[in-house]
C-alpha atoms as a PDB file:
ATOM      1  CA  MET A   1       9.556  34.471  -4.398  1.00  0.00           C
ATOM      2  CA  SER A   2       9.938  31.968  -1.580  1.00  0.00           C
ATOM      3  CA  ASN A   3      11.792  28.724  -2.227  1.00  0.00           C
ATOM      4  CA  LYS A   4       9.157  26.966  -0.118  1.00  0.00           C
ATOM      5  CA  LEU A   5       6.317  25.707  -2.333  1.00  0.00           C
ATOM      6  CA  ALA A   6       2.748  24.818  -1.395  1.00  0.00           C
ATOM      7  CA  VAL A   7       0.041  23.328  -3.615  1.00  0.00           C
ATOM      8  CA  VAL A   8      -3.615  23.854  -2.695  1.00  0.00           C
ATOM      9  CA  THR A   9      -6.408  22.094  -4.579  1.00  0.00           C
ATOM     10  CA  GLY A  10      -9.899  23.521  -4.625  1.00  0.00           C
ATOM     11  CA  ALA A  11      -8.356  26.968  -4.198  1.00  0.00           C
ATOM     12  CA  SER A  12     -11.029  28.930  -6.049  1.00  0.00           C
ATOM     13  CA  SER A  13     -13.176  29.629  -2.973  1.00  0.00           C
ATOM     14  CA  GLY A  14     -13.837  28.928   0.687  1.00  0.00           C
ATOM     15  CA  ILE A  15     -11.277  27.014   2.729  1.00  0.00           C
ATOM     16  CA  GLY A  16      -9.039  26.465  -0.287  1.00  0.00           C
ATOM     17  CA  ALA A  17      -8.715  30.144  -1.143  1.00  0.00           C
ATOM     18  CA  ALA A  18      -8.249  31.071   2.518  1.00  0.00           C
ATOM     19  CA  SER A  19      -5.570  28.388   2.901  1.00  0.00           C
ATOM     20  CA  ALA A  20      -3.696  29.693  -0.126  1.00  0.00           C
ATOM     21  CA  ARG A  21      -3.698  33.175   1.401  1.00  0.00           C
ATOM     22  CA  ALA A  22      -2.603  31.893   4.817  1.00  0.00           C
ATOM     23  CA  LEU A  23       0.254  29.858   3.359  1.00  0.00           C
ATOM     24  CA  ALA A  24       1.396  32.804   1.264  1.00  0.00           C
ATOM     25  CA  ALA A  25       1.372  34.971   4.394  1.00  0.00           C
ATOM     26  CA  ALA A  26       3.491  32.286   6.094  1.00  0.00           C
ATOM     27  CA  GLY A  27       6.136  32.626   3.384  1.00  0.00           C
ATOM     28  CA  PHE A  28       5.225  29.948   0.848  1.00  0.00           C
ATOM     29  CA  THR A  29       4.899  30.382  -2.875  1.00  0.00           C
ATOM     30  CA  VAL A  30       1.493  28.849  -3.550  1.00  0.00           C
ATOM     31  CA  VAL A  31       0.276  26.926  -6.573  1.00  0.00           C
ATOM     32  CA  CYS A  32      -3.487  27.549  -6.640  1.00  0.00           C
ATOM     33  CA  ALA A  33      -5.294  24.673  -8.361  1.00  0.00           C
ATOM     34  CA  ALA A  34      -8.996  24.511  -9.212  1.00  0.00           C
ATOM     35  CA  ARG A  35     -11.375  24.170 -12.126  1.00  0.00           C
ATOM     36  CA  ARG A  36     -12.316  27.869 -12.284  1.00  0.00           C
ATOM     37  CA  LEU A  37      -9.282  29.463 -13.878  1.00  0.00           C
ATOM     38  CA  ASP A  38     -10.508  33.045 -13.604  1.00  0.00           C
ATOM     39  CA  ARG A  39     -10.800  32.803  -9.835  1.00  0.00           C
ATOM     40  CA  ILE A  40      -7.473  31.139  -9.172  1.00  0.00           C
ATOM     41  CA  ALA A  41      -5.718  33.478 -11.602  1.00  0.00           C
ATOM     42  CA  ALA A  42      -6.992  36.451  -9.588  1.00  0.00           C
ATOM     43  CA  LEU A  43      -5.993  34.755  -6.342  1.00  0.00           C
ATOM     44  CA  ALA A  44      -2.523  33.908  -7.638  1.00  0.00           C
ATOM     45  CA  ASP A  45      -2.021  37.513  -8.711  1.00  0.00           C
ATOM     46  CA  GLU A  46      -3.103  38.684  -5.256  1.00  0.00           C
ATOM     47  CA  ILE A  47      -0.703  36.442  -3.312  1.00  0.00           C
ATOM     48  CA  GLY A  48       2.205  36.205  -5.753  1.00  0.00           C
ATOM     49  CA  GLY A  49       1.534  32.566  -6.600  1.00  0.00           C
ATOM     50  CA  HIS A  50       0.745  30.488  -9.655  1.00  0.00           C
ATOM     51  CA  ALA A  51      -2.599  29.346 -11.066  1.00  0.00           C
ATOM     52  CA  VAL A  52      -3.072  25.879 -12.555  1.00  0.00           C
ATOM     53  CA  GLN A  53      -6.472  24.858 -13.872  1.00  0.00           C
ATOM     54  CA  CYS A  54      -7.130  21.373 -12.521  1.00  0.00           C
ATOM     55  CA  ASP A  55     -10.082  19.055 -12.085  1.00  0.00           C
ATOM     56  CA  VAL A  56      -8.879  16.462  -9.579  1.00  0.00           C
ATOM     57  CA  ARG A  57     -11.071  13.859 -11.281  1.00  0.00           C
ATOM     58  CA  SER A  58      -8.908  14.106 -14.426  1.00  0.00           C
ATOM     59  CA  ASP A  59      -5.695  12.112 -14.743  1.00  0.00           C
ATOM     60  CA  ALA A  60      -4.416  14.532 -17.378  1.00  0.00           C
ATOM     61  CA  ASP A  61      -5.156  17.621 -15.277  1.00  0.00           C
ATOM     62  CA  VAL A  62      -3.468  16.155 -12.211  1.00  0.00           C
ATOM     63  CA  ALA A  63      -0.416  15.134 -14.246  1.00  0.00           C
ATOM     64  CA  ALA A  64      -0.202  18.715 -15.529  1.00  0.00           C
ATOM     65  CA  LEU A  65      -0.472  19.997 -11.962  1.00  0.00           C
ATOM     66  CA  ALA A  66       2.415  17.792 -10.859  1.00  0.00           C
ATOM     67  CA  GLN A  67       4.477  18.999 -13.817  1.00  0.00           C
ATOM     68  CA  ALA A  68       3.739  22.630 -12.978  1.00  0.00           C
ATOM     69  CA  ALA A  69       4.575  22.154  -9.294  1.00  0.00           C
ATOM     70  CA  GLY A  70       7.973  20.693 -10.097  1.00  0.00           C
ATOM     71  CA  PRO A  71      10.272  18.286  -8.267  1.00  0.00           C
ATOM     72  CA  SER A  72       9.932  19.673  -4.725  1.00  0.00           C
ATOM     73  CA  VAL A  73       6.662  20.466  -2.905  1.00  0.00           C
ATOM     74  CA  ASP A  74       6.824  21.378   0.781  1.00  0.00           C
ATOM     75  CA  VAL A  75       3.062  21.418   1.399  1.00  0.00           C
ATOM     76  CA  LEU A  76       0.211  19.687  -0.408  1.00  0.00           C
ATOM     77  CA  VAL A  77      -3.293  20.592   0.736  1.00  0.00           C
ATOM     78  CA  ASN A  78      -5.864  18.120  -0.563  1.00  0.00           C
ATOM     79  CA  ASN A  79      -8.801  20.461  -0.165  1.00  0.00           C
ATOM     80  CA  ALA A  80     -10.841  19.902  -3.358  1.00  0.00           C
ATOM     81  CA  GLY A  81     -14.155  18.401  -2.352  1.00  0.00           C
ATOM     82  CA  LEU A  82     -17.885  18.925  -2.278  1.00  0.00           C
ATOM     83  CA  ALA A  83     -21.230  17.764  -0.948  1.00  0.00           C
ATOM     84  CA  VAL A  84     -24.115  17.172  -3.346  1.00  0.00           C
ATOM     85  CA  GLY A  85     -27.640  16.750  -2.020  1.00  0.00           C
ATOM     86  CA  GLN A  86     -28.974  15.571   1.319  1.00  0.00           C
ATOM     87  CA  ASP A  87     -31.559  12.985   0.354  1.00  0.00           C
ATOM     88  CA  PRO A  88     -32.312   9.793   2.301  1.00  0.00           C
ATOM     89  CA  VAL A  89     -30.610   6.636   1.100  1.00  0.00           C
ATOM     90  CA  GLU A  90     -33.814   5.133  -0.296  1.00  0.00           C
ATOM     91  CA  VAL A  91     -34.240   7.964  -2.803  1.00  0.00           C
ATOM     92  CA  ALA A  92     -30.695   9.322  -3.140  1.00  0.00           C
ATOM     93  CA  ASN A  93     -29.303  10.101  -6.570  1.00  0.00           C
ATOM     94  CA  LEU A  94     -26.376   7.704  -6.798  1.00  0.00           C
ATOM     95  CA  ALA A  95     -24.795   9.782  -9.534  1.00  0.00           C
ATOM     96  CA  ASP A  96     -24.406  12.502  -6.901  1.00  0.00           C
ATOM     97  CA  TRP A  97     -22.750   9.976  -4.604  1.00  0.00           C
ATOM     98  CA  ALA A  98     -20.362   9.004  -7.400  1.00  0.00           C
ATOM     99  CA  THR A  99     -19.454  12.668  -7.913  1.00  0.00           C
ATOM    100  CA  MET A 100     -18.697  13.078  -4.217  1.00  0.00           C
ATOM    101  CA  TYR A 101     -16.578   9.920  -4.116  1.00  0.00           C
ATOM    102  CA  GLU A 102     -14.729  10.822  -7.309  1.00  0.00           C
ATOM    103  CA  THR A 103     -13.859  14.264  -5.982  1.00  0.00           C
ATOM    104  CA  ASN A 104     -13.339  13.807  -2.242  1.00  0.00           C
ATOM    105  CA  VAL A 105     -11.696  10.379  -2.291  1.00  0.00           C
ATOM    106  CA  LEU A 106     -10.333   9.447  -5.697  1.00  0.00           C
ATOM    107  CA  GLY A 107      -9.382  13.056  -6.420  1.00  0.00           C
ATOM    108  CA  ALA A 108      -7.366  13.260  -3.215  1.00  0.00           C
ATOM    109  CA  ALA A 109      -5.757   9.899  -3.946  1.00  0.00           C
ATOM    110  CA  ARG A 110      -4.943  10.892  -7.530  1.00  0.00           C
ATOM    111  CA  VAL A 111      -3.298  14.167  -6.485  1.00  0.00           C
ATOM    112  CA  THR A 112      -1.417  12.442  -3.668  1.00  0.00           C
ATOM    113  CA  GLN A 113      -0.019   9.780  -5.988  1.00  0.00           C
ATOM    114  CA  ALA A 114       1.097  12.390  -8.514  1.00  0.00           C
ATOM    115  CA  LEU A 115       2.764  14.759  -6.041  1.00  0.00           C
ATOM    116  CA  LEU A 116       4.074  12.322  -3.425  1.00  0.00           C
ATOM    117  CA  PRO A 117       7.558  12.106  -5.010  1.00  0.00           C
ATOM    118  CA  ALA A 118       7.855  15.902  -4.857  1.00  0.00           C
ATOM    119  CA  VAL A 119       6.595  16.042  -1.260  1.00  0.00           C
ATOM    120  CA  THR A 120       9.027  13.288  -0.308  1.00  0.00           C
ATOM    121  CA  ALA A 121      11.891  15.157  -1.961  1.00  0.00           C
ATOM    122  CA  ALA A 122      11.053  18.219   0.160  1.00  0.00           C
ATOM    123  CA  GLN A 123      10.473  16.176   3.323  1.00  0.00           C
ATOM    124  CA  GLY A 124       7.138  17.939   3.403  1.00  0.00           C
ATOM    125  CA  ILE A 125       3.573  17.581   4.616  1.00  0.00           C
ATOM    126  CA  ILE A 126       0.311  16.446   3.034  1.00  0.00           C
ATOM    127  CA  VAL A 127      -2.862  17.901   4.540  1.00  0.00           C
ATOM    128  CA  PHE A 128      -6.204  16.191   3.930  1.00  0.00           C
ATOM    129  CA  MET A 129      -9.277  18.363   4.452  1.00  0.00           C
ATOM    130  CA  THR A 130     -11.944  15.922   5.612  1.00  0.00           C
ATOM    131  CA  SER A 131     -14.893  16.683   7.904  1.00  0.00           C
ATOM    132  CA  THR A 132     -16.485  15.727  11.176  1.00  0.00           C
ATOM    133  CA  ALA A 133     -19.002  14.050   8.856  1.00  0.00           C
ATOM    134  CA  ALA A 134     -16.378  11.307   8.571  1.00  0.00           C
ATOM    135  CA  ASP A 135     -17.083  10.327  12.184  1.00  0.00           C
ATOM    136  CA  ILE A 136     -20.846   9.951  12.467  1.00  0.00           C
ATOM    137  CA  ALA A 137     -23.799   9.543  10.139  1.00  0.00           C
ATOM    138  CA  TYR A 138     -26.767  11.876   9.964  1.00  0.00           C
ATOM    139  CA  GLU A 139     -30.044  11.752   8.057  1.00  0.00           C
ATOM    140  CA  GLY A 140     -29.410  12.529   4.418  1.00  0.00           C
ATOM    141  CA  GLY A 141     -25.654  12.225   4.861  1.00  0.00           C
ATOM    142  CA  GLY A 142     -25.118   8.682   3.594  1.00  0.00           C
ATOM    143  CA  GLY A 143     -23.242   9.777   0.498  1.00  0.00           C
ATOM    144  CA  TYR A 144     -21.216  12.664   1.937  1.00  0.00           C
ATOM    145  CA  CYS A 145     -20.440  10.998   5.267  1.00  0.00           C
ATOM    146  CA  GLY A 146     -19.357   7.884   3.398  1.00  0.00           C
ATOM    147  CA  ALA A 147     -17.063   9.836   1.087  1.00  0.00           C
ATOM    148  CA  LYS A 148     -15.439  11.781   3.913  1.00  0.00           C
ATOM    149  CA  ALA A 149     -15.044   8.614   5.983  1.00  0.00           C
ATOM    150  CA  ALA A 150     -13.250   7.038   3.029  1.00  0.00           C
ATOM    151  CA  GLU A 151     -10.976  10.068   2.706  1.00  0.00           C
ATOM    152  CA  HIS A 152     -10.231   9.837   6.448  1.00  0.00           C
ATOM    153  CA  MET A 153      -9.177   6.216   5.977  1.00  0.00           C
ATOM    154  CA  LEU A 154      -7.082   7.175   2.960  1.00  0.00           C
ATOM    155  CA  ALA A 155      -5.112   9.627   5.104  1.00  0.00           C
ATOM    156  CA  ALA A 156      -4.774   7.170   7.986  1.00  0.00           C
ATOM    157  CA  ALA A 157      -3.576   4.339   5.740  1.00  0.00           C
ATOM    158  CA  LEU A 158      -1.097   6.624   3.981  1.00  0.00           C
ATOM    159  CA  ARG A 159       0.394   7.713   7.307  1.00  0.00           C
ATOM    160  CA  LEU A 160       1.059   4.064   8.178  1.00  0.00           C
ATOM    161  CA  GLU A 161       2.412   3.223   4.743  1.00  0.00           C
ATOM    162  CA  LEU A 162       4.861   6.143   4.753  1.00  0.00           C
ATOM    163  CA  ASN A 163       6.200   5.449   8.208  1.00  0.00           C
ATOM    164  CA  GLY A 164       9.981   5.585   7.919  1.00  0.00           C
ATOM    165  CA  ARG A 165       9.898   8.326   5.289  1.00  0.00           C
ATOM    166  CA  PRO A 166      10.243  12.009   6.228  1.00  0.00           C
ATOM    167  CA  VAL A 167       6.695  12.919   5.134  1.00  0.00           C
ATOM    168  CA  ARG A 168       4.051  14.204   7.522  1.00  0.00           C
ATOM    169  CA  ILE A 169       0.368  13.354   7.025  1.00  0.00           C
ATOM    170  CA  CYS A 170      -2.125  15.687   8.680  1.00  0.00           C
ATOM    171  CA  GLU A 171      -5.904  15.429   8.576  1.00  0.00           C
ATOM    172  CA  ILE A 172      -8.008  18.477   9.408  1.00  0.00           C
ATOM    173  CA  SER A 173     -11.667  17.741  10.149  1.00  0.00           C
ATOM    174  CA  PRO A 174     -13.829  20.874  10.326  1.00  0.00           C
ATOM    175  CA  GLY A 175     -17.299  20.943  11.775  1.00  0.00           C
ATOM    176  CA  MET A 176     -19.742  23.716  10.920  1.00  0.00           C
ATOM    177  CA  VAL A 177     -17.961  26.198   8.641  1.00  0.00           C
ATOM    178  CA  HIS A 178     -19.980  28.992   7.040  1.00  0.00           C
ATOM    179  CA  THR A 179     -18.633  29.715   3.570  1.00  0.00           C
ATOM    180  CA  ASP A 180     -20.321  31.356   0.611  1.00  0.00           C
ATOM    181  CA  GLU A 181     -20.619  28.271  -1.565  1.00  0.00           C
ATOM    182  CA  PHE A 182     -20.481  24.926   0.257  1.00  0.00           C
ATOM    183  CA  SER A 183     -24.114  24.591   1.357  1.00  0.00           C
ATOM    184  CA  LEU A 184     -25.371  26.600  -1.615  1.00  0.00           C
ATOM    185  CA  ASN A 185     -23.737  24.100  -3.975  1.00  0.00           C
ATOM    186  CA  ARG A 186     -24.992  21.190  -1.901  1.00  0.00           C
ATOM    187  CA  PHE A 187     -28.574  22.347  -2.347  1.00  0.00           C
ATOM    188  CA  ALA A 188     -28.249  23.235  -6.048  1.00  0.00           C
ATOM    189  CA  GLY A 189     -28.393  26.989  -5.495  1.00  0.00           C
ATOM    190  CA  ASP A 190     -31.328  26.972  -3.054  1.00  0.00           C
ATOM    191  CA  GLN A 191     -30.348  29.923  -0.866  1.00  0.00           C
ATOM    192  CA  THR A 192     -33.143  29.293   1.657  1.00  0.00           C
ATOM    193  CA  ARG A 193     -31.977  25.737   2.368  1.00  0.00           C
ATOM    194  CA  ALA A 194     -28.360  26.834   2.469  1.00  0.00           C
ATOM    195  CA  ASP A 195     -29.107  29.611   4.968  1.00  0.00           C
ATOM    196  CA  ALA A 196     -31.109  27.226   7.175  1.00  0.00           C
ATOM    197  CA  VAL A 197     -27.962  25.196   7.881  1.00  0.00           C
ATOM    198  CA  TYR A 198     -26.485  28.100   9.847  1.00  0.00           C
ATOM    199  CA  ALA A 199     -29.707  29.729  11.075  1.00  0.00           C
ATOM    200  CA  GLY A 200     -29.418  30.948  14.634  1.00  0.00           C
ATOM    201  CA  VAL A 201     -25.850  29.703  15.101  1.00  0.00           C
ATOM    202  CA  THR A 202     -23.696  32.287  16.831  1.00  0.00           C
ATOM    203  CA  ASN A 203     -20.267  32.458  15.227  1.00  0.00           C
ATOM    204  CA  PRO A 204     -19.925  29.352  13.067  1.00  0.00           C
ATOM    205  CA  LEU A 205     -16.380  28.717  11.893  1.00  0.00           C
ATOM    206  CA  THR A 206     -15.016  30.680   8.952  1.00  0.00           C
ATOM    207  CA  ALA A 207     -12.737  29.576   6.146  1.00  0.00           C
ATOM    208  CA  GLU A 208      -9.997  31.684   7.726  1.00  0.00           C
ATOM    209  CA  ASP A 209     -10.295  29.720  10.985  1.00  0.00           C
ATOM    210  CA  ILE A 210      -9.487  26.518   9.131  1.00  0.00           C
ATOM    211  CA  ALA A 211      -6.810  28.161   7.003  1.00  0.00           C
ATOM    212  CA  SER A 212      -4.914  29.322  10.087  1.00  0.00           C
ATOM    213  CA  THR A 213      -4.762  25.693  11.195  1.00  0.00           C
ATOM    214  CA  VAL A 214      -3.440  24.641   7.781  1.00  0.00           C
ATOM    215  CA  ALA A 215      -0.659  27.211   8.086  1.00  0.00           C
ATOM    216  CA  TRP A 216       0.096  26.083  11.647  1.00  0.00           C
ATOM    217  CA  ALA A 217       0.403  22.443  10.594  1.00  0.00           C
ATOM    218  CA  ALA A 218       2.594  23.401   7.653  1.00  0.00           C
ATOM    219  CA  THR A 219       4.987  25.433   9.786  1.00  0.00           C
ATOM    220  CA  CYS A 220       5.450  23.030  12.692  1.00  0.00           C
ATOM    221  CA  PRO A 221       8.985  21.642  13.094  1.00  0.00           C
ATOM    222  CA  PRO A 222       9.723  18.783  10.671  1.00  0.00           C
ATOM    223  CA  HIS A 223       9.644  16.166  13.442  1.00  0.00           C
ATOM    224  CA  VAL A 224       6.169  17.250  14.633  1.00  0.00           C
ATOM    225  CA  ASN A 225       3.123  15.675  13.004  1.00  0.00           C
ATOM    226  CA  LEU A 226      -0.405  16.781  13.819  1.00  0.00           C
ATOM    227  CA  ASP A 227      -2.132  13.525  12.964  1.00  0.00           C
ATOM    228  CA  ARG A 228      -5.719  14.729  13.117  1.00  0.00           C
ATOM    229  CA  ILE A 229      -7.269  18.008  14.171  1.00  0.00           C
ATOM    230  CA  VAL A 230     -11.021  18.310  14.774  1.00  0.00           C
ATOM    231  CA  ILE A 231     -12.287  21.898  14.752  1.00  0.00           C
ATOM    232  CA  ARG A 232     -15.818  22.929  15.681  1.00  0.00           C
ATOM    233  CA  PRO A 233     -17.420  26.210  16.692  1.00  0.00           C
ATOM    234  CA  VAL A 234     -18.348  26.504  20.354  1.00  0.00           C
ATOM    235  CA  ALA A 235     -22.008  26.272  19.342  1.00  0.00           C
ATOM    236  CA  GLN A 236     -21.484  22.768  17.929  1.00  0.00           C
ATOM    237  CA  ALA A 237     -20.879  20.326  20.776  1.00  0.00           C
ATOM    238  CA  ALA A 238     -21.167  17.346  18.439  1.00  0.00           C
ATOM    239  CA  GLN A 239     -22.189  16.641  14.875  1.00  0.00           C
ATOM    240  CA  HIS A 240     -25.838  16.375  15.904  1.00  0.00           C
ATOM    241  CA  LYS A 241     -25.907  18.915  18.754  1.00  0.00           C
ATOM    242  CA  VAL A 242     -25.856  22.556  17.685  1.00  0.00           C
ATOM    243  CA  PHE A 243     -26.957  25.457  19.862  1.00  0.00           C
ATOM    244  CA  ARG A 244     -29.049  27.952  17.941  1.00  0.00           C
ATOM    245  CA  GLY A 245     -29.736  31.256  19.620  1.00  0.00           C
ATOM    246  CA  GLU A 246     -28.092  33.858  21.830  1.00  0.00           C
ATOM    247  CA  TYR A 247     -25.748  32.509  24.456  1.00  0.00           C
ATOM    248  CA  PRO A 248     -27.361  32.679  27.918  1.00  0.00           C
ATOM    249  CA  PRO A 249     -25.756  34.855  30.592  1.00  0.00           C
ATOM    250  CA  LYS A 250     -22.932  33.346  32.614  1.00  0.00           C
ATOM    251  CA  VAL A 251     -24.036  31.598  35.792  1.00  0.00           C
END
């Protein structure tokens, strides 16, 4: 077992699971945290890590996660998050907005508060998994864009507040990433709507693309901080501009 420890929240699927695998491959022992114990238990067995059932919205769960992680954490990946719905503001379900804020923002803050002493002890890094949705609004994105913008500000404020301490704060902001569950969960299991998000897009990002960046940030020299990394597929020139179709021949 490595004496370098990483904690990944939301590790049961998608970017979280891929990040746990990438960090394990980079030599870290990984604490896989998520609500679905069966999935993270299987993942932990696969990569030689540890599984801790944790809902980041629960003070008790997060305290138990910090206890399980111990006094020294080299890498904390605040990945737990979700999007729920894509309705216009005038008809949006505000309970869905509350769920997104509780998970993406308060969950990340809660985990950060609980594990910051251990990250500081290790002179480690905290990675926040935000989104390009933090940068610009789109129709139906009022709740999700707002939550990710708040998480972006959380990371930025923390970096300023910790200046003078040997802790790195990195924000990774993915654009269009095709995973099995993100859009499907957003649209309450509607596979047709979920598939339409990526329809015609040649090579959207994968969870492994983002995970490789997590591992890169985690293994940079201790004096190097990657403040913010925006990652999009070539087909996505901006949040609102996505090429759908076969690439034309070179001119």
